[in-house]
Amino acid sequence: MKICIIYHSETGNTRHVAQHLAAACGGKLIDITETATYTRLTRFLVWCKKARGEEKTTIEPASIDVSGYDQVIFGSPVWAFKPTPAIHAAIDAVKGCEGMRATAFCTHGGRPGQTAEVFQKWIETRGMKCVGNATIHQDDVENEKKTKELISILIKDSNPV
């Protein structure tokens, strides 16, 4: 099974989890970056407002072809109880995804809030089938047991639907 892992990370927690996933399933990693630049303070304020409003931002890469994969995994930190504007833009940027299996995960320092529901909505709006969702607290990112649990949720039952 070929898996593509598309993630956005600011502090490195989401990247770390994505790398563990890639190692476990041999998946390809695609790191999403926001192209807009802000100061440290304005970045936090603007991004949280955009996340809360479920907005998108400009990203690199601007287009992602996943037609050669069997499953896509999306990863994002939680901002204002939702996934980031960058991962929202990434979900919109995928090409060749119709009917594909998709899962999502988030890393968070507090509560994940509505992240799972929002991820599912965005994934299914793009014509993919959301077959799993997982969260991991920033304190557990280095916890091998918690990481293995997350991996089993995201790549379990990886046979096509």
N, C-alpha and C. Protein backbone atom coordinates (compact mmCIF):
# COMPACT_ATOMS: atom_id res chain seq x y z
N MET A 1 0.84 -1.18 0.00
CA MET A 1 0.00 0.00 0.00
C MET A 1 0.88 1.24 0.00
N LYS A 2 0.63 2.15 -0.93
CA LYS A 2 1.39 3.39 -1.01
C LYS A 2 0.64 4.50 -0.28
N ILE A 3 1.34 5.13 0.68
CA ILE A 3 0.73 6.16 1.51
C ILE A 3 1.49 7.47 1.36
N CYS A 4 0.74 8.56 1.24
CA CYS A 4 1.30 9.90 1.17
C CYS A 4 0.91 10.64 2.45
N ILE A 5 1.89 11.21 3.14
CA ILE A 5 1.66 11.92 4.40
C ILE A 5 1.91 13.40 4.15
N ILE A 6 0.84 14.19 4.22
CA ILE A 6 0.90 15.62 3.97
C ILE A 6 0.68 16.31 5.30
N TYR A 7 1.64 17.13 5.71
CA TYR A 7 1.53 17.73 7.03
C TYR A 7 2.02 19.18 7.03
N HIS A 8 1.53 19.92 8.03
CA HIS A 8 1.99 21.27 8.31
C HIS A 8 2.46 21.27 9.76
N SER A 9 3.65 21.80 10.01
CA SER A 9 4.21 21.83 11.36
C SER A 9 4.87 23.17 11.61
N GLU A 10 4.65 23.72 12.77
CA GLU A 10 5.31 24.97 13.15
C GLU A 10 6.40 24.73 14.19
N THR A 11 6.09 23.99 15.23
CA THR A 11 7.06 23.78 16.31
C THR A 11 7.88 22.51 16.14
N GLY A 12 7.47 21.66 15.21
CA GLY A 12 8.19 20.41 14.98
C GLY A 12 7.47 19.19 15.51
N ASN A 13 6.44 19.36 16.34
CA ASN A 13 5.72 18.21 16.89
C ASN A 13 5.00 17.41 15.80
N THR A 14 4.30 18.11 14.93
CA THR A 14 3.57 17.42 13.86
C THR A 14 4.55 16.77 12.90
N ARG A 15 5.64 17.44 12.60
CA ARG A 15 6.69 16.86 11.73
C ARG A 15 7.23 15.57 12.33
N HIS A 16 7.50 15.59 13.62
CA HIS A 16 8.03 14.42 14.32
C HIS A 16 7.08 13.22 14.19
N VAL A 17 5.80 13.46 14.41
CA VAL A 17 4.81 12.38 14.29
C VAL A 17 4.73 11.91 12.84
N ALA A 18 4.74 12.83 11.90
CA ALA A 18 4.69 12.47 10.47
C ALA A 18 5.89 11.60 10.09
N GLN A 19 7.04 11.92 10.63
CA GLN A 19 8.24 11.12 10.34
C GLN A 19 8.11 9.71 10.91
N HIS A 20 7.52 9.58 12.09
CA HIS A 20 7.27 8.24 12.67
C HIS A 20 6.29 7.46 11.79
N LEU A 21 5.26 8.12 11.31
CA LEU A 21 4.30 7.47 10.42
C LEU A 21 4.99 6.98 9.16
N ALA A 22 5.81 7.85 8.55
CA ALA A 22 6.52 7.48 7.32
C ALA A 22 7.43 6.28 7.55
N ALA A 23 8.11 6.26 8.69
CA ALA A 23 8.99 5.14 8.99
C ALA A 23 8.20 3.84 9.16
N ALA A 24 7.00 3.95 9.74
CA ALA A 24 6.18 2.76 10.01
C ALA A 24 5.55 2.19 8.74
N CYS A 25 5.24 3.05 7.77
CA CYS A 25 4.50 2.55 6.60
C CYS A 25 5.24 2.77 5.28
N GLY A 26 6.43 3.35 5.34
CA GLY A 26 7.16 3.61 4.10
C GLY A 26 6.55 4.72 3.28
N GLY A 27 5.75 5.57 3.91
CA GLY A 27 5.04 6.63 3.20
C GLY A 27 5.93 7.79 2.78
N LYS A 28 5.46 8.53 1.80
CA LYS A 28 6.15 9.73 1.32
C LYS A 28 5.68 10.93 2.14
N LEU A 29 6.63 11.75 2.58
CA LEU A 29 6.32 12.95 3.35
C LEU A 29 6.26 14.18 2.45
N ILE A 30 5.23 14.99 2.65
CA ILE A 30 5.15 16.28 1.98
C ILE A 30 4.91 17.33 3.05
N ASP A 31 5.91 18.20 3.24
CA ASP A 31 5.88 19.26 4.24
C ASP A 31 5.25 20.50 3.62
N ILE A 32 4.17 20.97 4.21
CA ILE A 32 3.46 22.16 3.73
C ILE A 32 3.97 23.38 4.49
N THR A 33 4.32 24.43 3.76
CA THR A 33 4.74 25.67 4.39
C THR A 33 3.85 26.81 3.91
N GLU A 34 3.56 27.73 4.81
CA GLU A 34 2.81 28.92 4.44
C GLU A 34 3.77 29.92 3.83
N THR A 35 3.38 30.58 2.76
CA THR A 35 4.28 31.50 2.07
C THR A 35 4.23 32.91 2.63
N ALA A 36 3.16 33.28 3.31
CA ALA A 36 3.07 34.63 3.89
C ALA A 36 4.02 34.75 5.07
N THR A 37 4.58 35.94 5.25
CA THR A 37 5.49 36.17 6.38
C THR A 37 4.87 37.16 7.35
N TYR A 38 5.05 36.86 8.61
CA TYR A 38 4.52 37.69 9.68
C TYR A 38 5.59 37.79 10.77
N THR A 39 5.42 38.76 11.66
CA THR A 39 6.26 38.78 12.86
C THR A 39 5.75 37.67 13.77
N ARG A 40 6.51 37.35 14.77
CA ARG A 40 6.11 36.27 15.68
C ARG A 40 4.74 36.53 16.32
N LEU A 41 4.50 37.75 16.78
CA LEU A 41 3.23 38.08 17.43
C LEU A 41 2.09 38.11 16.43
N THR A 42 2.26 38.80 15.31
CA THR A 42 1.16 38.89 14.35
C THR A 42 0.86 37.54 13.72
N ARG A 43 1.87 36.71 13.56
CA ARG A 43 1.66 35.38 13.00
C ARG A 43 0.66 34.60 13.85
N PHE A 44 0.89 34.59 15.16
CA PHE A 44 0.01 33.86 16.07
C PHE A 44 -1.41 34.42 16.00
N LEU A 45 -1.55 35.73 16.06
CA LEU A 45 -2.88 36.35 16.06
C LEU A 45 -3.61 36.12 14.74
N VAL A 46 -2.92 36.34 13.64
CA VAL A 46 -3.54 36.16 12.32
C VAL A 46 -3.89 34.70 12.08
N TRP A 47 -2.97 33.79 12.37
CA TRP A 47 -3.21 32.37 12.11
C TRP A 47 -4.35 31.81 12.94
N CYS A 48 -4.41 32.20 14.21
CA CYS A 48 -5.50 31.69 15.05
C CYS A 48 -6.86 32.20 14.54
N LYS A 49 -6.91 33.46 14.14
CA LYS A 49 -8.15 34.02 13.60
C LYS A 49 -8.54 33.27 12.32
N LYS A 50 -7.57 33.02 11.44
CA LYS A 50 -7.86 32.29 10.20
C LYS A 50 -8.27 30.85 10.49
N ALA A 51 -7.62 30.22 11.45
CA ALA A 51 -7.97 28.84 11.80
C ALA A 51 -9.40 28.79 12.33
N ARG A 52 -9.74 29.70 13.20
CA ARG A 52 -11.08 29.73 13.79
C ARG A 52 -12.14 29.89 12.70
N GLY A 53 -11.84 30.70 11.68
CA GLY A 53 -12.77 30.93 10.59
C GLY A 53 -12.70 29.88 9.49
N GLU A 54 -11.87 28.86 9.69
CA GLU A 54 -11.66 27.78 8.71
C GLU A 54 -11.24 28.34 7.34
N GLU A 55 -10.39 29.34 7.38
CA GLU A 55 -9.87 29.95 6.16
C GLU A 55 -8.68 29.16 5.63
N LYS A 56 -8.25 29.53 4.45
CA LYS A 56 -7.07 28.94 3.82
C LYS A 56 -6.01 30.03 3.67
N THR A 57 -4.79 29.60 3.39
CA THR A 57 -3.70 30.52 3.16
C THR A 57 -2.92 30.05 1.93
N THR A 58 -1.96 30.82 1.50
CA THR A 58 -1.13 30.40 0.36
C THR A 58 -0.02 29.49 0.88
N ILE A 59 0.22 28.42 0.13
CA ILE A 59 1.17 27.39 0.59
C ILE A 59 2.12 26.96 -0.51
N GLU A 60 3.16 26.31 -0.10
CA GLU A 60 4.08 25.59 -0.98
C GLU A 60 4.15 24.16 -0.46
N PRO A 61 4.05 23.17 -1.29
CA PRO A 61 3.73 23.25 -2.70
C PRO A 61 2.27 23.66 -2.91
N ALA A 62 2.01 24.35 -4.01
CA ALA A 62 0.68 24.87 -4.30
C ALA A 62 -0.25 23.80 -4.88
N SER A 63 0.31 22.71 -5.40
CA SER A 63 -0.47 21.61 -5.96
C SER A 63 0.21 20.29 -5.58
N ILE A 64 -0.61 19.30 -5.20
CA ILE A 64 -0.08 18.02 -4.75
C ILE A 64 -0.82 16.89 -5.46
N ASP A 65 -0.13 16.15 -6.29
CA ASP A 65 -0.74 15.03 -7.01
C ASP A 65 -0.61 13.77 -6.18
N VAL A 66 -1.74 13.21 -5.76
CA VAL A 66 -1.74 12.00 -4.94
C VAL A 66 -2.32 10.80 -5.71
N SER A 67 -2.46 10.94 -7.02
CA SER A 67 -3.10 9.89 -7.81
C SER A 67 -2.36 8.56 -7.78
N GLY A 68 -1.08 8.55 -7.46
CA GLY A 68 -0.31 7.31 -7.41
C GLY A 68 -0.34 6.62 -6.06
N TYR A 69 -1.16 7.12 -5.14
CA TYR A 69 -1.19 6.57 -3.78
C TYR A 69 -2.52 5.88 -3.50
N ASP A 70 -2.51 5.02 -2.49
CA ASP A 70 -3.72 4.33 -2.07
C ASP A 70 -4.41 5.04 -0.91
N GLN A 71 -3.62 5.79 -0.13
CA GLN A 71 -4.16 6.47 1.05
C GLN A 71 -3.38 7.75 1.28
N VAL A 72 -4.07 8.76 1.80
CA VAL A 72 -3.44 10.01 2.18
C VAL A 72 -3.65 10.22 3.68
N ILE A 73 -2.60 10.66 4.36
CA ILE A 73 -2.71 11.03 5.78
C ILE A 73 -2.39 12.51 5.87
N PHE A 74 -3.26 13.27 6.52
CA PHE A 74 -3.05 14.70 6.74
C PHE A 74 -2.71 14.94 8.20
N GLY A 75 -1.75 15.82 8.47
CA GLY A 75 -1.36 16.14 9.84
C GLY A 75 -1.28 17.63 10.05
N SER A 76 -1.71 18.08 11.22
CA SER A 76 -1.72 19.50 11.53
C SER A 76 -1.63 19.73 13.03
N PRO A 77 -1.01 20.84 13.44
CA PRO A 77 -1.18 21.26 14.82
C PRO A 77 -2.59 21.83 15.00
N VAL A 78 -3.00 22.00 16.23
CA VAL A 78 -4.31 22.60 16.52
C VAL A 78 -4.09 24.07 16.86
N TRP A 79 -4.80 24.91 16.16
CA TRP A 79 -4.80 26.35 16.45
C TRP A 79 -6.25 26.77 16.65
N ALA A 80 -6.54 27.37 17.78
CA ALA A 80 -7.90 27.84 18.08
C ALA A 80 -8.90 26.70 17.92
N PHE A 81 -8.50 25.50 18.36
CA PHE A 81 -9.34 24.30 18.38
C PHE A 81 -9.67 23.73 17.00
N LYS A 82 -8.89 24.11 15.97
CA LYS A 82 -9.13 23.63 14.61
C LYS A 82 -7.79 23.39 13.91
N PRO A 83 -7.82 22.66 12.77
CA PRO A 83 -6.59 22.50 11.98
C PRO A 83 -6.15 23.85 11.40
N THR A 84 -4.92 23.92 10.97
CA THR A 84 -4.36 25.18 10.47
C THR A 84 -4.88 25.56 9.09
N PRO A 85 -4.84 26.86 8.77
CA PRO A 85 -5.19 27.30 7.41
C PRO A 85 -4.29 26.67 6.34
N ALA A 86 -3.05 26.39 6.68
CA ALA A 86 -2.12 25.78 5.71
C ALA A 86 -2.55 24.37 5.35
N ILE A 87 -2.99 23.57 6.31
CA ILE A 87 -3.41 22.20 5.97
C ILE A 87 -4.76 22.23 5.25
N HIS A 88 -5.58 23.23 5.56
CA HIS A 88 -6.84 23.39 4.83
C HIS A 88 -6.54 23.66 3.35
N ALA A 89 -5.58 24.55 3.10
CA ALA A 89 -5.17 24.84 1.72
C ALA A 89 -4.57 23.60 1.07
N ALA A 90 -3.83 22.80 1.83
CA ALA A 90 -3.21 21.58 1.29
C ALA A 90 -4.28 20.57 0.88
N ILE A 91 -5.30 20.41 1.69
CA ILE A 91 -6.38 19.48 1.34
C ILE A 91 -7.04 19.94 0.04
N ASP A 92 -7.21 21.24 -0.11
CA ASP A 92 -7.76 21.78 -1.36
C ASP A 92 -6.80 21.60 -2.53
N ALA A 93 -5.51 21.53 -2.26
CA ALA A 93 -4.49 21.47 -3.31
C ALA A 93 -4.26 20.06 -3.85
N VAL A 94 -4.80 19.03 -3.18
CA VAL A 94 -4.55 17.67 -3.67
C VAL A 94 -5.31 17.41 -4.96
N LYS A 95 -4.64 16.72 -5.86
CA LYS A 95 -5.21 16.34 -7.16
C LYS A 95 -5.22 14.82 -7.25
N GLY A 96 -6.21 14.27 -7.90
CA GLY A 96 -6.28 12.82 -8.07
C GLY A 96 -6.70 12.10 -6.81
N CYS A 97 -7.51 12.74 -5.98
CA CYS A 97 -7.86 12.17 -4.67
C CYS A 97 -9.27 11.59 -4.60
N GLU A 98 -10.08 11.79 -5.60
CA GLU A 98 -11.48 11.37 -5.55
C GLU A 98 -11.60 9.88 -5.25
N GLY A 99 -12.40 9.56 -4.22
CA GLY A 99 -12.63 8.18 -3.84
C GLY A 99 -11.52 7.56 -3.00
N MET A 100 -10.46 8.29 -2.74
CA MET A 100 -9.31 7.76 -2.00
C MET A 100 -9.59 7.72 -0.50
N ARG A 101 -8.95 6.77 0.16
CA ARG A 101 -9.00 6.68 1.62
C ARG A 101 -8.12 7.77 2.20
N ALA A 102 -8.58 8.40 3.29
CA ALA A 102 -7.78 9.43 3.95
C ALA A 102 -7.98 9.32 5.46
N THR A 103 -6.91 9.64 6.18
CA THR A 103 -6.97 9.74 7.63
C THR A 103 -6.31 11.05 8.01
N ALA A 104 -6.47 11.46 9.27
CA ALA A 104 -5.90 12.72 9.73
C ALA A 104 -5.46 12.60 11.18
N PHE A 105 -4.46 13.40 11.52
CA PHE A 105 -4.03 13.47 12.92
C PHE A 105 -3.69 14.92 13.26
N CYS A 106 -3.76 15.21 14.54
CA CYS A 106 -3.35 16.53 15.00
C CYS A 106 -2.49 16.39 16.25
N THR A 107 -1.62 17.37 16.42
CA THR A 107 -0.85 17.50 17.65
C THR A 107 -1.38 18.74 18.36
N HIS A 108 -1.42 18.67 19.69
CA HIS A 108 -2.00 19.79 20.43
C HIS A 108 -1.37 19.92 21.81
N GLY A 109 -1.44 21.14 22.34
CA GLY A 109 -0.92 21.40 23.67
C GLY A 109 -2.03 21.47 24.70
N GLY A 110 -3.23 21.72 24.25
CA GLY A 110 -4.38 21.81 25.15
C GLY A 110 -5.39 20.75 24.79
N ARG A 111 -6.49 21.19 24.19
CA ARG A 111 -7.52 20.27 23.73
C ARG A 111 -7.61 20.34 22.20
N PRO A 112 -7.95 19.23 21.55
CA PRO A 112 -8.06 19.25 20.09
C PRO A 112 -9.32 19.95 19.60
N GLY A 113 -10.27 20.20 20.48
CA GLY A 113 -11.48 20.92 20.09
C GLY A 113 -12.22 20.24 18.95
N GLN A 114 -12.49 20.99 17.89
CA GLN A 114 -13.29 20.50 16.76
C GLN A 114 -12.41 19.98 15.62
N THR A 115 -11.15 19.75 15.87
CA THR A 115 -10.21 19.39 14.80
C THR A 115 -10.64 18.15 14.03
N ALA A 116 -11.04 17.10 14.70
CA ALA A 116 -11.42 15.85 14.01
C ALA A 116 -12.62 16.08 13.09
N GLU A 117 -13.62 16.77 13.58
CA GLU A 117 -14.82 17.02 12.78
C GLU A 117 -14.50 17.89 11.56
N VAL A 118 -13.67 18.91 11.76
CA VAL A 118 -13.32 19.82 10.68
C VAL A 118 -12.48 19.08 9.63
N PHE A 119 -11.50 18.30 10.09
CA PHE A 119 -10.71 17.49 9.17
C PHE A 119 -11.62 16.61 8.32
N GLN A 120 -12.54 15.90 8.96
CA GLN A 120 -13.43 15.00 8.23
C GLN A 120 -14.24 15.77 7.19
N LYS A 121 -14.78 16.92 7.58
CA LYS A 121 -15.57 17.73 6.65
C LYS A 121 -14.74 18.14 5.43
N TRP A 122 -13.53 18.65 5.66
CA TRP A 122 -12.68 19.10 4.56
C TRP A 122 -12.30 17.92 3.64
N ILE A 123 -11.95 16.79 4.24
CA ILE A 123 -11.54 15.61 3.48
C ILE A 123 -12.70 15.11 2.61
N GLU A 124 -13.87 14.99 3.21
CA GLU A 124 -15.01 14.47 2.47
C GLU A 124 -15.52 15.46 1.42
N THR A 125 -15.36 16.74 1.65
CA THR A 125 -15.72 17.75 0.65
C THR A 125 -14.90 17.57 -0.61
N ARG A 126 -13.66 17.09 -0.47
CA ARG A 126 -12.77 16.87 -1.62
C ARG A 126 -13.01 15.52 -2.29
N GLY A 127 -13.99 14.75 -1.80
CA GLY A 127 -14.33 13.49 -2.45
C GLY A 127 -13.55 12.29 -1.93
N MET A 128 -12.82 12.46 -0.84
CA MET A 128 -12.11 11.34 -0.22
C MET A 128 -12.99 10.73 0.86
N LYS A 129 -12.65 9.50 1.26
CA LYS A 129 -13.37 8.83 2.34
C LYS A 129 -12.51 8.90 3.60
N CYS A 130 -12.99 9.62 4.61
CA CYS A 130 -12.25 9.75 5.87
C CYS A 130 -12.48 8.47 6.69
N VAL A 131 -11.40 7.69 6.88
CA VAL A 131 -11.52 6.40 7.55
C VAL A 131 -10.83 6.36 8.92
N GLY A 132 -10.34 7.50 9.38
CA GLY A 132 -9.70 7.52 10.69
C GLY A 132 -9.23 8.91 11.07
N ASN A 133 -9.16 9.15 12.37
CA ASN A 133 -8.76 10.43 12.92
C ASN A 133 -8.09 10.16 14.26
N ALA A 134 -7.00 10.84 14.54
CA ALA A 134 -6.31 10.61 15.81
C ALA A 134 -5.70 11.92 16.31
N THR A 135 -5.50 12.00 17.62
CA THR A 135 -4.86 13.17 18.23
C THR A 135 -3.72 12.70 19.11
N ILE A 136 -2.74 13.57 19.28
CA ILE A 136 -1.65 13.27 20.21
C ILE A 136 -1.23 14.57 20.89
N HIS A 137 -1.17 14.54 22.20
CA HIS A 137 -0.77 15.71 22.99
C HIS A 137 0.73 15.93 22.84
N GLN A 138 1.15 17.17 22.85
CA GLN A 138 2.57 17.49 22.69
C GLN A 138 3.45 16.78 23.72
N ASP A 139 2.92 16.51 24.89
CA ASP A 139 3.70 15.80 25.92
C ASP A 139 3.93 14.33 25.57
N ASP A 140 3.13 13.80 24.63
CA ASP A 140 3.22 12.39 24.26
C ASP A 140 3.93 12.15 22.93
N VAL A 141 4.40 13.20 22.28
CA VAL A 141 5.03 13.06 20.97
C VAL A 141 6.24 12.14 21.03
N GLU A 142 6.97 12.15 22.12
CA GLU A 142 8.14 11.28 22.29
C GLU A 142 7.79 9.95 22.97
N ASN A 143 6.54 9.76 23.34
CA ASN A 143 6.10 8.55 24.02
C ASN A 143 5.88 7.45 22.98
N GLU A 144 6.73 6.46 22.98
CA GLU A 144 6.69 5.41 21.96
C GLU A 144 5.35 4.67 21.94
N LYS A 145 4.79 4.39 23.11
CA LYS A 145 3.51 3.67 23.18
C LYS A 145 2.40 4.51 22.55
N LYS A 146 2.33 5.80 22.89
CA LYS A 146 1.29 6.67 22.34
C LYS A 146 1.45 6.84 20.84
N THR A 147 2.68 6.95 20.38
CA THR A 147 2.94 7.10 18.95
C THR A 147 2.52 5.85 18.20
N LYS A 148 2.80 4.67 18.75
CA LYS A 148 2.38 3.42 18.12
C LYS A 148 0.86 3.30 18.06
N GLU A 149 0.18 3.77 19.11
CA GLU A 149 -1.29 3.75 19.11
C GLU A 149 -1.82 4.64 17.99
N LEU A 150 -1.25 5.83 17.85
CA LEU A 150 -1.66 6.76 16.80
C LEU A 150 -1.42 6.15 15.42
N ILE A 151 -0.26 5.55 15.24
CA ILE A 151 0.07 4.92 13.95
C ILE A 151 -0.92 3.82 13.62
N SER A 152 -1.28 3.00 14.62
CA SER A 152 -2.21 1.89 14.36
C SER A 152 -3.59 2.41 13.97
N ILE A 153 -4.00 3.54 14.50
CA ILE A 153 -5.29 4.13 14.13
C ILE A 153 -5.25 4.64 12.69
N LEU A 154 -4.15 5.29 12.32
CA LEU A 154 -4.07 5.94 11.02
C LEU A 154 -3.78 4.99 9.86
N ILE A 155 -3.07 3.90 10.12
CA ILE A 155 -2.76 3.00 9.01
C ILE A 155 -3.35 1.60 9.23
N LYS A 156 -4.23 1.46 10.22
CA LYS A 156 -4.88 0.16 10.42
C LYS A 156 -5.85 -0.12 9.28
N ASP A 157 -6.12 -1.36 9.08
CA ASP A 157 -7.09 -1.76 8.07
C ASP A 157 -6.84 -1.00 6.76
N SER A 158 -5.58 -1.02 6.33
CA SER A 158 -5.20 -0.28 5.15
C SER A 158 -5.60 -0.94 3.83
N ASN A 159 -6.46 -1.94 3.89
CA ASN A 159 -6.94 -2.55 2.66
C ASN A 159 -7.97 -1.61 2.02
N PRO A 160 -7.99 -1.52 0.72
CA PRO A 160 -8.94 -0.62 0.05
C PRO A 160 -10.38 -0.94 0.44
N VAL A 161 -11.18 0.11 0.53
CA VAL A 161 -12.60 -0.03 0.89
C VAL A 161 -13.37 -0.60 -0.27
